[in-house]
Amino acid sequence: MAVMQWKKLLSARRLGCVRSDAVQQGRSPFQQDFDRIVFSSAFRSLQDKAQVFPLADDDYLRTRLTHSIETASIGRSLGAIAGVGICKKLNYPEIRPNHIGEIVAAASLAHDIGNPPLGHSGEESIRYWFNHSPVAARLKTMMSTPEIADIERYEGNAQGFRVLTRLEMPENPGGMQLTCATLGAIAKYPVSAVAAERPRGVMGRKFNFFQREKALFAEVAATLGLLPVNATGDGWCRHPLAFLVEAADDVTYRIVDFEDGHLLKLVEYGELEALMLRIINDGGETAARLKEIPDRRRKVELLRARALGVLVRQLAAAFLAQEDKMLAGELDQPLIELIPAARILAEIYDISIERIYTYRRATEIGIAGYELTSGLLDAFMSAVVEYVDATARKAAPEPRSRKMLYLLPRECFAHEDAEWQSSAYERLLRILDYVTGMTDTHAVSTFKKVKGISLPGMLL
């Protein structure tokens, strides 16, 4: 039976480069990946993208940026602990446990880098626009079935791979030229939108690359030796470290979103304390320590820290217990379902769905996000379509369309670019690059200006 091999899975070869970087003990290629992501403009924009509560008034609430940093911190610990067990079995002295921690940390840092404004409702609103807008209906007549599927099932995960491998540092082949190990660990759903045969269970629920980046993902998969799941070259089994990235994300948002819910008085302190103490389960030591802390916020911080410590240890142990199944591409459950605290985390998640993720203000902004996204995409795409039609007729574009296109960055609207001129799919992707790259505040501001709700220089 074919299995994946750690020596290939930990490849330091950079996408777009021929040779692998040497894995140096001082600053490994995987640490360089982390640094490249931190200093990218796409990562920086996460400071004004919502985690759960869009356009929040409270500075203490998490944004996508703080969520990503916290997830990377958990991921580094998970990878390093699991790395001890992995390295004991490897005859590969160049790789140490901390290097595996660095891979998981870098992948965790970038896991949300492709998310559009206004949280997950941003993804839903793009899908809604593509299925309901007359402008989108016309675009579909000029697109192939796989291209249509990319947008009908639009995924921030696929946009993230596009950001890392094409949009950031676009002058380089492979974009940011991250190591294949890091790119593989990011890909929780290593399959295209149209793959007929998909990985089983959790690996096949979504997709991780658009048709435009299919060849780039195939190059990553070949370098890492990911097991194919079909003969069409558009589906693979997960890199084992992607299970740790998923676990870092899962455990972080379950615990810290719950903490944020308490801050907004959506969860009572007593309820939070009871659930966290059940996870910690240390014979009353933490409960005694809480009595010595007068400030409730510091109590919550202690509970969060100790609960996360317990969950990291449980998840790392689950990873090592399931290692053989992951290498064979046979694990179809997330690690968070395979740990002793699974039932308690499920209780927390159920409460979060009932009270936090349906919080009225977040829901109202999410609903408004449908109008915002549809408004921006209709405005820009109708201008692009009109411009292309006018160019084909050798006529002058309408003044409104011309002015709308002046708002777009040059890399988005390149009238001399043959690919842009010939492909409706490419034009749509570039407009989506622009809109999904906006921060929440920028998206709202641009929508108001495009719709004439406000003008530059007005007091809002």
Protein backbone atom coordinates (compact mmCIF):
# COMPACT_ATOMS: atom_id res chain seq x y z
CA MET A 1 0.00 0.00 0.00
CA ALA A 2 1.33 3.43 -0.96
CA VAL A 3 2.06 5.84 1.87
CA MET A 4 3.45 9.35 2.02
CA GLN A 5 7.06 9.77 3.19
CA TRP A 6 8.12 12.38 5.75
CA LYS A 7 11.36 13.19 3.91
CA LYS A 8 9.37 14.40 0.90
CA LEU A 9 6.55 15.90 2.99
CA LEU A 10 9.08 18.17 4.76
CA SER A 11 10.55 19.46 1.49
CA ALA A 12 12.22 22.86 1.75
CA ARG A 13 12.01 23.36 -2.01
CA ARG A 14 10.38 26.70 -2.80
CA LEU A 15 7.55 26.84 -5.33
CA GLY A 16 8.94 28.39 -8.50
CA CYS A 17 12.54 27.47 -7.66
CA VAL A 18 14.49 24.44 -8.89
CA ARG A 19 16.62 23.71 -5.82
CA SER A 20 15.70 23.27 -2.18
CA ASP A 21 17.00 25.63 0.47
CA ALA A 22 19.38 24.16 3.02
CA VAL A 23 17.68 23.63 6.37
CA GLN A 24 19.91 25.68 8.63
CA GLN A 25 19.59 25.45 12.39
CA GLY A 26 19.66 29.20 13.00
CA ARG A 27 16.96 30.35 10.61
CA SER A 28 15.34 27.61 8.61
CA PRO A 29 13.48 28.07 5.29
CA PHE A 30 10.27 27.47 7.21
CA GLN A 31 11.03 30.36 9.58
CA GLN A 32 11.66 32.46 6.47
CA ASP A 33 8.19 31.42 5.23
CA PHE A 34 6.73 32.74 8.47
CA ASP A 35 8.57 36.02 8.09
CA ARG A 36 7.51 36.47 4.45
CA ILE A 37 3.89 36.00 5.42
CA VAL A 38 4.13 38.44 8.35
CA PHE A 39 5.53 41.19 6.12
CA SER A 40 3.05 40.69 3.26
CA SER A 41 0.39 43.30 2.59
CA ALA A 42 -2.29 40.58 2.43
CA PHE A 43 -1.48 39.49 5.99
CA ARG A 44 -1.37 43.08 7.21
CA SER A 45 -4.90 43.69 5.89
CA LEU A 46 -6.24 41.06 8.32
CA GLN A 47 -5.97 43.70 11.07
CA ASP A 48 -9.26 45.14 9.75
CA LYS A 49 -11.07 41.95 8.78
CA ALA A 50 -13.58 40.41 11.15
CA GLN A 51 -13.11 37.14 13.01
CA VAL A 52 -16.68 36.91 14.34
CA PHE A 53 -17.82 40.48 14.98
CA PRO A 54 -17.45 42.78 11.93
CA LEU A 55 -16.69 46.47 12.51
CA ALA A 56 -16.63 45.92 16.27
CA ASP A 57 -16.40 48.88 18.64
CA ASP A 58 -14.43 47.02 21.33
CA ASP A 59 -10.65 46.93 20.75
CA TYR A 60 -10.35 43.76 22.85
CA LEU A 61 -12.30 41.59 20.38
CA ARG A 62 -10.29 39.46 17.97
CA THR A 63 -9.82 40.36 14.33
CA ARG A 64 -8.59 37.96 11.64
CA LEU A 65 -5.09 39.22 12.39
CA THR A 66 -5.13 38.40 16.10
CA HIS A 67 -6.91 35.11 15.39
CA SER A 68 -4.21 34.17 12.86
CA ILE A 69 -1.39 35.04 15.25
CA GLU A 70 -3.00 33.04 18.07
CA THR A 71 -3.58 30.11 15.71
CA ALA A 72 0.08 30.24 14.63
CA SER A 73 1.16 30.20 18.27
CA ILE A 74 -0.94 27.10 18.96
CA GLY A 75 0.25 25.57 15.68
CA ARG A 76 3.91 26.04 16.56
CA SER A 77 3.42 24.23 19.86
CA LEU A 78 1.44 21.42 18.23
CA GLY A 79 4.03 20.96 15.48
CA ALA A 80 7.00 21.01 17.83
CA ILE A 81 5.46 18.48 20.24
CA ALA A 82 4.37 16.18 17.41
CA GLY A 83 7.78 16.77 15.81
CA VAL A 84 9.52 15.09 18.73
CA GLY A 85 7.67 11.88 17.93
CA ILE A 86 8.18 12.22 14.17
CA CYS A 87 11.91 12.90 14.42
CA LYS A 88 12.50 9.86 16.63
CA LYS A 89 11.46 7.70 13.68
CA LEU A 90 13.34 9.62 10.97
CA ASN A 91 16.91 9.13 9.87
CA TYR A 92 16.94 12.73 8.75
CA PRO A 93 19.21 14.79 11.04
CA GLU A 94 18.63 18.05 9.13
CA ILE A 95 15.04 18.18 10.42
CA ARG A 96 14.40 18.84 14.10
CA PRO A 97 11.13 19.10 16.04
CA ASN A 98 11.29 22.90 16.03
CA HIS A 99 11.37 22.86 12.20
CA ILE A 100 8.10 20.96 12.11
CA GLY A 101 6.70 23.51 14.55
CA GLU A 102 7.84 26.27 12.18
CA ILE A 103 6.06 24.67 9.22
CA VAL A 104 2.79 24.38 11.14
CA ALA A 105 3.17 27.92 12.52
CA ALA A 106 3.74 29.44 9.06
CA ALA A 107 0.81 27.51 7.58
CA SER A 108 -1.43 28.48 10.50
CA LEU A 109 -0.43 32.12 10.15
CA ALA A 110 -1.59 32.11 6.51
CA HIS A 111 -4.70 29.95 6.85
CA ASP A 112 -7.13 32.91 6.58
CA ILE A 113 -5.09 35.16 4.30
CA GLY A 114 -7.55 34.79 1.41
CA ASN A 115 -10.71 35.57 3.37
CA PRO A 116 -12.87 38.42 2.00
CA PRO A 117 -14.21 41.32 4.09
CA LEU A 118 -16.96 40.81 6.68
CA GLY A 119 -16.06 37.31 7.80
CA HIS A 120 -17.46 34.09 6.38
CA SER A 121 -20.55 35.91 5.14
CA GLY A 122 -18.18 37.50 2.62
CA GLU A 123 -17.64 34.10 0.95
CA GLU A 124 -21.37 33.37 1.01
CA SER A 125 -22.18 36.74 -0.52
CA ILE A 126 -19.83 36.13 -3.47
CA ARG A 127 -21.55 32.81 -4.16
CA TYR A 128 -24.94 34.51 -3.84
CA TRP A 129 -23.95 37.28 -6.27
CA PHE A 130 -22.69 34.80 -8.85
CA ASN A 131 -25.95 32.83 -8.72
CA HIS A 132 -28.35 35.80 -8.74
CA SER A 133 -26.80 38.78 -10.54
CA PRO A 134 -27.72 39.45 -14.21
CA VAL A 135 -24.12 40.60 -14.68
CA ALA A 136 -22.87 37.23 -13.41
CA ALA A 137 -25.39 35.38 -15.60
CA ARG A 138 -23.83 36.95 -18.66
CA LEU A 139 -20.32 36.09 -17.48
CA LYS A 140 -21.31 32.42 -17.10
CA THR A 141 -22.04 32.22 -20.83
CA MET A 142 -18.36 33.01 -21.45
CA MET A 143 -16.90 30.61 -18.88
CA SER A 144 -16.21 26.87 -18.81
CA THR A 145 -17.90 24.48 -16.39
CA PRO A 146 -14.82 24.22 -14.10
CA GLU A 147 -14.44 28.02 -14.10
CA ILE A 148 -18.10 28.47 -13.16
CA ALA A 149 -17.71 25.94 -10.34
CA ASP A 150 -14.80 27.93 -8.88
CA ILE A 151 -17.07 30.95 -8.32
CA GLU A 152 -20.34 29.14 -7.58
CA ARG A 153 -18.53 27.39 -4.71
CA TYR A 154 -16.18 30.30 -4.00
CA GLU A 155 -13.67 29.50 -1.25
CA GLY A 156 -11.41 31.72 0.83
CA ASN A 157 -9.07 28.72 1.06
CA ALA A 158 -8.57 28.75 -2.71
CA GLN A 159 -8.17 32.53 -2.71
CA GLY A 160 -5.52 32.14 0.00
CA PHE A 161 -3.49 29.75 -2.16
CA ARG A 162 -3.82 32.24 -5.03
CA VAL A 163 -2.63 35.12 -2.80
CA LEU A 164 0.44 33.18 -1.65
CA THR A 165 1.43 31.72 -5.02
CA ARG A 166 0.45 34.44 -7.50
CA LEU A 167 -0.72 37.78 -6.11
CA GLU A 168 1.96 38.52 -3.52
CA MET A 169 5.37 39.11 -5.16
CA PRO A 170 3.72 38.61 -8.59
CA GLU A 171 6.98 39.13 -10.46
CA ASN A 172 8.26 35.80 -9.10
CA PRO A 173 7.24 32.39 -10.45
CA GLY A 174 5.36 30.91 -7.50
CA GLY A 175 4.59 34.29 -5.95
CA MET A 176 5.99 34.42 -2.41
CA GLN A 177 7.93 31.25 -3.22
CA LEU A 178 7.07 29.59 0.08
CA THR A 179 8.39 26.09 0.72
CA CYS A 180 6.27 23.23 -0.57
CA ALA A 181 6.08 21.87 2.99
CA THR A 182 4.34 25.05 4.19
CA LEU A 183 2.03 25.26 1.17
CA GLY A 184 1.07 21.62 1.62
CA ALA A 185 0.32 22.12 5.31
CA ILE A 186 -1.98 25.06 4.49
CA ALA A 187 -4.11 22.96 2.13
CA LYS A 188 -6.83 21.43 4.29
CA TYR A 189 -8.89 20.59 1.18
CA PRO A 190 -6.37 19.55 -1.52
CA VAL A 191 -8.87 19.22 -4.34
CA SER A 192 -10.45 21.33 -7.10
CA ALA A 193 -14.05 22.52 -7.12
CA VAL A 194 -15.02 20.05 -9.86
CA ALA A 195 -13.11 16.91 -8.89
CA ALA A 196 -15.42 13.94 -9.42
CA GLU A 197 -13.45 11.78 -7.01
CA ARG A 198 -12.66 13.55 -3.75
CA PRO A 199 -10.81 12.65 -0.55
CA ARG A 200 -13.03 11.03 2.06
CA GLY A 201 -14.56 12.88 4.96
CA VAL A 202 -13.24 16.21 6.15
CA MET A 203 -10.56 16.51 3.43
CA GLY A 204 -13.11 16.77 0.62
CA ARG A 205 -15.66 19.15 2.11
CA LYS A 206 -14.34 22.25 0.34
CA PHE A 207 -11.59 22.99 -2.19
CA ASN A 208 -8.20 24.65 -2.03
CA PHE A 209 -7.28 25.95 -5.50
CA PHE A 210 -8.95 27.57 -8.47
CA GLN A 211 -8.49 26.29 -12.02
CA ARG A 212 -6.09 29.19 -12.56
CA GLU A 213 -3.71 27.76 -9.91
CA LYS A 214 -4.30 24.06 -10.65
CA ALA A 215 -0.84 23.56 -12.19
CA LEU A 216 0.83 25.30 -9.23
CA PHE A 217 -0.95 23.06 -6.75
CA ALA A 218 -0.08 19.97 -8.79
CA GLU A 219 3.59 21.02 -8.61
CA VAL A 220 3.37 21.29 -4.82
CA ALA A 221 1.64 17.91 -4.57
CA ALA A 222 4.25 16.20 -6.78
CA THR A 223 7.13 17.67 -4.78
CA LEU A 224 5.63 16.49 -1.49
CA GLY A 225 4.52 13.09 -2.77
CA LEU A 226 0.88 13.63 -1.76
CA LEU A 227 -1.22 10.60 -2.64
CA PRO A 228 -3.59 11.22 -5.58
CA VAL A 229 -7.26 10.35 -5.11
CA ASN A 230 -8.22 10.42 -8.78
CA ALA A 231 -6.75 10.03 -12.26
CA THR A 232 -7.67 13.56 -13.36
CA GLY A 233 -4.88 15.27 -11.44
CA ASP A 234 -7.09 17.54 -9.37
CA GLY A 235 -7.39 15.77 -6.03
CA TRP A 236 -4.93 14.53 -3.40
CA CYS A 237 -4.88 13.30 0.18
CA ARG A 238 -3.98 15.83 2.84
CA HIS A 239 -0.45 16.56 3.97
CA PRO A 240 -0.43 15.14 7.55
CA LEU A 241 0.61 18.51 9.00
CA ALA A 242 -2.58 20.04 7.56
CA PHE A 243 -4.41 18.12 10.31
CA LEU A 244 -2.40 20.09 12.87
CA VAL A 245 -3.14 23.40 11.13
CA GLU A 246 -6.83 22.52 11.15
CA ALA A 247 -6.60 21.54 14.83
CA ALA A 248 -4.86 24.81 15.74
CA ASP A 249 -7.62 26.77 14.01
CA ASP A 250 -10.43 24.65 15.47
CA VAL A 251 -9.26 24.82 19.06
CA THR A 252 -8.37 28.52 18.86
CA TYR A 253 -11.71 29.71 17.59
CA ARG A 254 -13.68 27.44 19.90
CA ILE A 255 -11.91 28.75 22.98
CA VAL A 256 -11.21 32.39 22.12
CA ASP A 257 -14.51 33.03 20.32
CA PHE A 258 -16.15 31.79 23.51
CA GLU A 259 -14.00 34.25 25.46
CA ASP A 260 -15.08 37.07 23.13
CA GLY A 261 -18.69 35.97 23.56
CA HIS A 262 -18.30 36.37 27.33
CA LEU A 263 -16.83 39.85 26.82
CA LEU A 264 -19.99 40.84 24.94
CA LYS A 265 -22.12 39.32 27.74
CA LEU A 266 -23.44 36.58 25.44
CA VAL A 267 -21.99 33.90 27.75
CA GLU A 268 -22.21 34.06 31.55
CA TYR A 269 -18.95 33.83 33.48
CA GLY A 270 -20.14 30.89 35.55
CA GLU A 271 -20.95 28.92 32.41
CA LEU A 272 -17.55 29.70 30.88
CA GLU A 273 -15.70 28.76 34.08
CA ALA A 274 -17.52 25.45 34.44
CA LEU A 275 -16.79 24.37 30.86
CA MET A 276 -13.14 25.41 30.99
CA LEU A 277 -12.57 23.65 34.32
CA ARG A 278 -13.99 20.46 32.81
CA ILE A 279 -11.37 20.68 30.05
CA ILE A 280 -8.55 21.49 32.48
CA ASN A 281 -9.56 18.71 34.92
CA ASP A 282 -6.61 19.21 37.29
CA GLY A 283 -8.14 18.10 40.55
CA GLY A 284 -9.19 21.57 41.69
CA GLU A 285 -5.81 23.35 41.37
CA THR A 286 -7.10 25.91 38.84
CA ALA A 287 -10.36 26.41 40.77
CA ALA A 288 -8.32 27.26 43.88
CA ARG A 289 -6.11 29.65 41.91
CA LEU A 290 -9.18 31.46 40.57
CA LYS A 291 -10.27 32.34 44.12
CA GLU A 292 -7.04 34.34 44.54
CA ILE A 293 -7.72 36.48 41.44
CA PRO A 294 -10.09 39.43 42.06
CA ASP A 295 -10.48 40.58 38.45
CA ARG A 296 -12.89 38.59 36.29
CA ARG A 297 -11.08 39.29 33.04
CA ARG A 298 -7.86 37.87 34.47
CA LYS A 299 -9.78 34.82 35.66
CA VAL A 300 -10.96 34.25 32.09
CA GLU A 301 -7.43 34.67 30.76
CA LEU A 302 -6.11 32.04 33.20
CA LEU A 303 -8.87 29.62 32.24
CA ARG A 304 -8.21 30.15 28.54
CA ALA A 305 -4.45 29.67 28.91
CA ARG A 306 -4.73 26.45 30.92
CA ALA A 307 -7.48 25.01 28.72
CA LEU A 308 -5.40 25.65 25.60
CA GLY A 309 -2.39 23.99 27.24
CA VAL A 310 -4.42 20.84 27.92
CA LEU A 311 -5.88 20.80 24.41
CA VAL A 312 -2.46 21.19 22.77
CA ARG A 313 -1.18 18.14 24.60
CA GLN A 314 -4.27 16.10 23.75
CA LEU A 315 -4.16 17.08 20.06
CA ALA A 316 -0.43 16.33 19.71
CA ALA A 317 -1.01 12.89 21.25
CA ALA A 318 -3.93 12.26 18.88
CA PHE A 319 -1.77 13.25 15.90
CA LEU A 320 0.95 10.76 16.80
CA ALA A 321 -1.64 8.04 17.43
CA GLN A 322 -3.13 8.63 13.96
CA GLU A 323 0.18 9.16 12.11
CA ASP A 324 0.07 5.93 10.10
CA LYS A 325 -3.49 6.57 8.93
CA MET A 326 -2.59 10.12 7.85
CA LEU A 327 0.46 8.92 5.90
CA ALA A 328 -1.78 6.42 4.12
CA GLY A 329 -4.38 9.12 3.38
CA GLU A 330 -7.00 7.24 5.40
CA LEU A 331 -7.86 9.61 8.27
CA ASP A 332 -11.17 11.29 7.44
CA GLN A 333 -11.90 13.04 10.78
CA PRO A 334 -10.46 16.23 12.26
CA LEU A 335 -8.18 15.64 15.25
CA ILE A 336 -10.45 17.73 17.46
CA GLU A 337 -13.01 14.89 17.33
CA LEU A 338 -10.45 12.34 18.53
CA ILE A 339 -9.36 13.80 21.88
CA PRO A 340 -10.71 13.32 25.44
CA ALA A 341 -12.12 16.88 25.48
CA ALA A 342 -14.07 16.40 22.23
CA ARG A 343 -17.51 16.32 23.88
CA ILE A 344 -16.86 19.44 25.95
CA LEU A 345 -15.63 21.30 22.86
CA ALA A 346 -18.78 20.21 21.05
CA GLU A 347 -20.87 21.72 23.88
CA ILE A 348 -18.93 24.98 23.60
CA TYR A 349 -19.42 25.02 19.84
CA ASP A 350 -23.17 24.42 20.16
CA ILE A 351 -23.48 27.35 22.58
CA SER A 352 -21.40 29.51 20.24
CA ILE A 353 -23.67 28.74 17.29
CA GLU A 354 -26.76 29.50 19.37
CA ARG A 355 -25.59 32.77 20.96
CA ILE A 356 -22.32 34.08 19.51
CA TYR A 357 -22.33 33.39 15.77
CA THR A 358 -25.96 34.58 15.58
CA TYR A 359 -25.28 37.74 17.62
CA ARG A 360 -27.67 40.36 16.26
CA ARG A 361 -25.12 43.03 15.30
CA ALA A 362 -22.90 40.50 13.51
CA THR A 363 -25.93 39.05 11.73
CA GLU A 364 -27.14 42.48 10.62
CA ILE A 365 -23.73 43.39 9.24
CA GLY A 366 -23.46 39.99 7.57
CA ILE A 367 -26.81 40.56 5.82
CA ALA A 368 -25.72 44.03 4.77
CA GLY A 369 -22.56 42.40 3.43
CA TYR A 370 -24.61 40.65 0.76
CA GLU A 371 -25.72 44.03 -0.58
CA LEU A 372 -22.23 45.47 -0.24
CA THR A 373 -20.54 42.60 -2.11
CA SER A 374 -23.20 42.46 -4.81
CA GLY A 375 -23.06 46.21 -5.23
CA LEU A 376 -19.27 46.30 -5.64
CA LEU A 377 -19.11 43.30 -7.98
CA ASP A 378 -22.01 44.52 -10.12
CA ALA A 379 -20.50 47.98 -10.40
CA PHE A 380 -16.99 46.87 -11.31
CA MET A 381 -17.89 43.87 -13.46
CA SER A 382 -20.55 45.73 -15.46
CA ALA A 383 -17.94 48.42 -16.18
CA VAL A 384 -15.43 45.76 -17.27
CA VAL A 385 -17.97 43.99 -19.49
CA GLU A 386 -19.02 47.27 -21.12
CA TYR A 387 -15.39 48.24 -21.70
CA VAL A 388 -14.56 44.90 -23.35
CA ASP A 389 -17.67 45.07 -25.54
CA ALA A 390 -16.85 48.62 -26.62
CA THR A 391 -13.26 47.66 -27.39
CA ALA A 392 -14.43 44.73 -29.53
CA ARG A 393 -16.65 47.14 -31.49
CA LYS A 394 -13.79 49.64 -31.67
CA ALA A 395 -16.05 52.14 -29.93
CA ALA A 396 -15.42 54.42 -26.98
CA PRO A 397 -16.49 53.01 -23.59
CA GLU A 398 -19.26 54.75 -21.69
CA PRO A 399 -17.90 57.55 -19.45
CA ARG A 400 -19.22 55.84 -16.29
CA SER A 401 -17.48 52.58 -17.14
CA ARG A 402 -14.25 54.38 -17.91
CA LYS A 403 -14.36 56.24 -14.60
CA MET A 404 -15.17 53.05 -12.67
CA LEU A 405 -12.14 51.34 -14.18
CA TYR A 406 -9.89 54.20 -13.07
CA LEU A 407 -10.67 53.14 -9.48
CA LEU A 408 -9.12 49.72 -10.03
CA PRO A 409 -5.43 49.02 -9.42
CA ARG A 410 -3.37 48.55 -12.58
CA GLU A 411 -2.79 44.83 -12.01
CA CYS A 412 -6.57 44.37 -11.90
CA PHE A 413 -7.42 46.33 -15.06
CA ALA A 414 -4.77 45.77 -17.74
CA HIS A 415 -6.33 46.66 -21.08
CA GLU A 416 -3.15 45.73 -22.95
CA ASP A 417 -3.04 42.27 -21.34
CA ALA A 418 -4.13 39.67 -23.91
CA GLU A 419 -5.20 37.18 -21.24
CA TRP A 420 -7.38 39.79 -19.54
CA GLN A 421 -8.94 40.72 -22.87
CA SER A 422 -9.70 37.15 -23.94
CA SER A 423 -10.93 35.52 -20.70
CA ALA A 424 -14.06 36.47 -18.76
CA TYR A 425 -12.86 34.11 -16.00
CA GLU A 426 -9.55 35.95 -15.69
CA ARG A 427 -11.29 39.32 -15.56
CA LEU A 428 -13.64 38.11 -12.84
CA LEU A 429 -10.81 36.63 -10.79
CA ARG A 430 -8.94 39.93 -10.88
CA ILE A 431 -11.98 41.89 -9.73
CA LEU A 432 -12.46 39.34 -6.97
CA ASP A 433 -8.77 39.75 -6.05
CA TYR A 434 -9.42 43.46 -5.57
CA VAL A 435 -12.69 43.16 -3.65
CA THR A 436 -11.65 40.25 -1.41
CA GLY A 437 -8.37 41.98 -0.63
CA MET A 438 -10.20 44.96 0.90
CA THR A 439 -10.42 45.43 4.63
CA ASP A 440 -13.88 45.70 6.17
CA THR A 441 -13.58 49.48 6.47
CA HIS A 442 -12.25 49.91 2.92
CA ALA A 443 -15.06 47.77 1.51
CA VAL A 444 -17.74 49.84 3.28
CA SER A 445 -16.10 53.11 2.25
CA THR A 446 -15.74 52.05 -1.40
CA PHE A 447 -19.34 50.82 -1.54
CA LYS A 448 -20.62 54.15 -0.19
CA LYS A 449 -18.63 56.10 -2.76
CA VAL A 450 -19.56 53.88 -5.70
CA LYS A 451 -23.24 54.13 -4.73
CA GLY A 452 -23.09 57.88 -4.09
CA ILE A 453 -23.95 57.45 -0.41
CA SER A 454 -20.88 59.51 0.46
CA LEU A 455 -18.37 61.54 -1.46
CA PRO A 456 -14.62 62.01 -0.90
CA GLY A 457 -14.13 64.71 1.73
CA MET A 458 -17.62 64.39 3.22
CA LEU A 459 -18.01 64.10 6.97
CA LEU A 460 -19.50 60.63 7.49
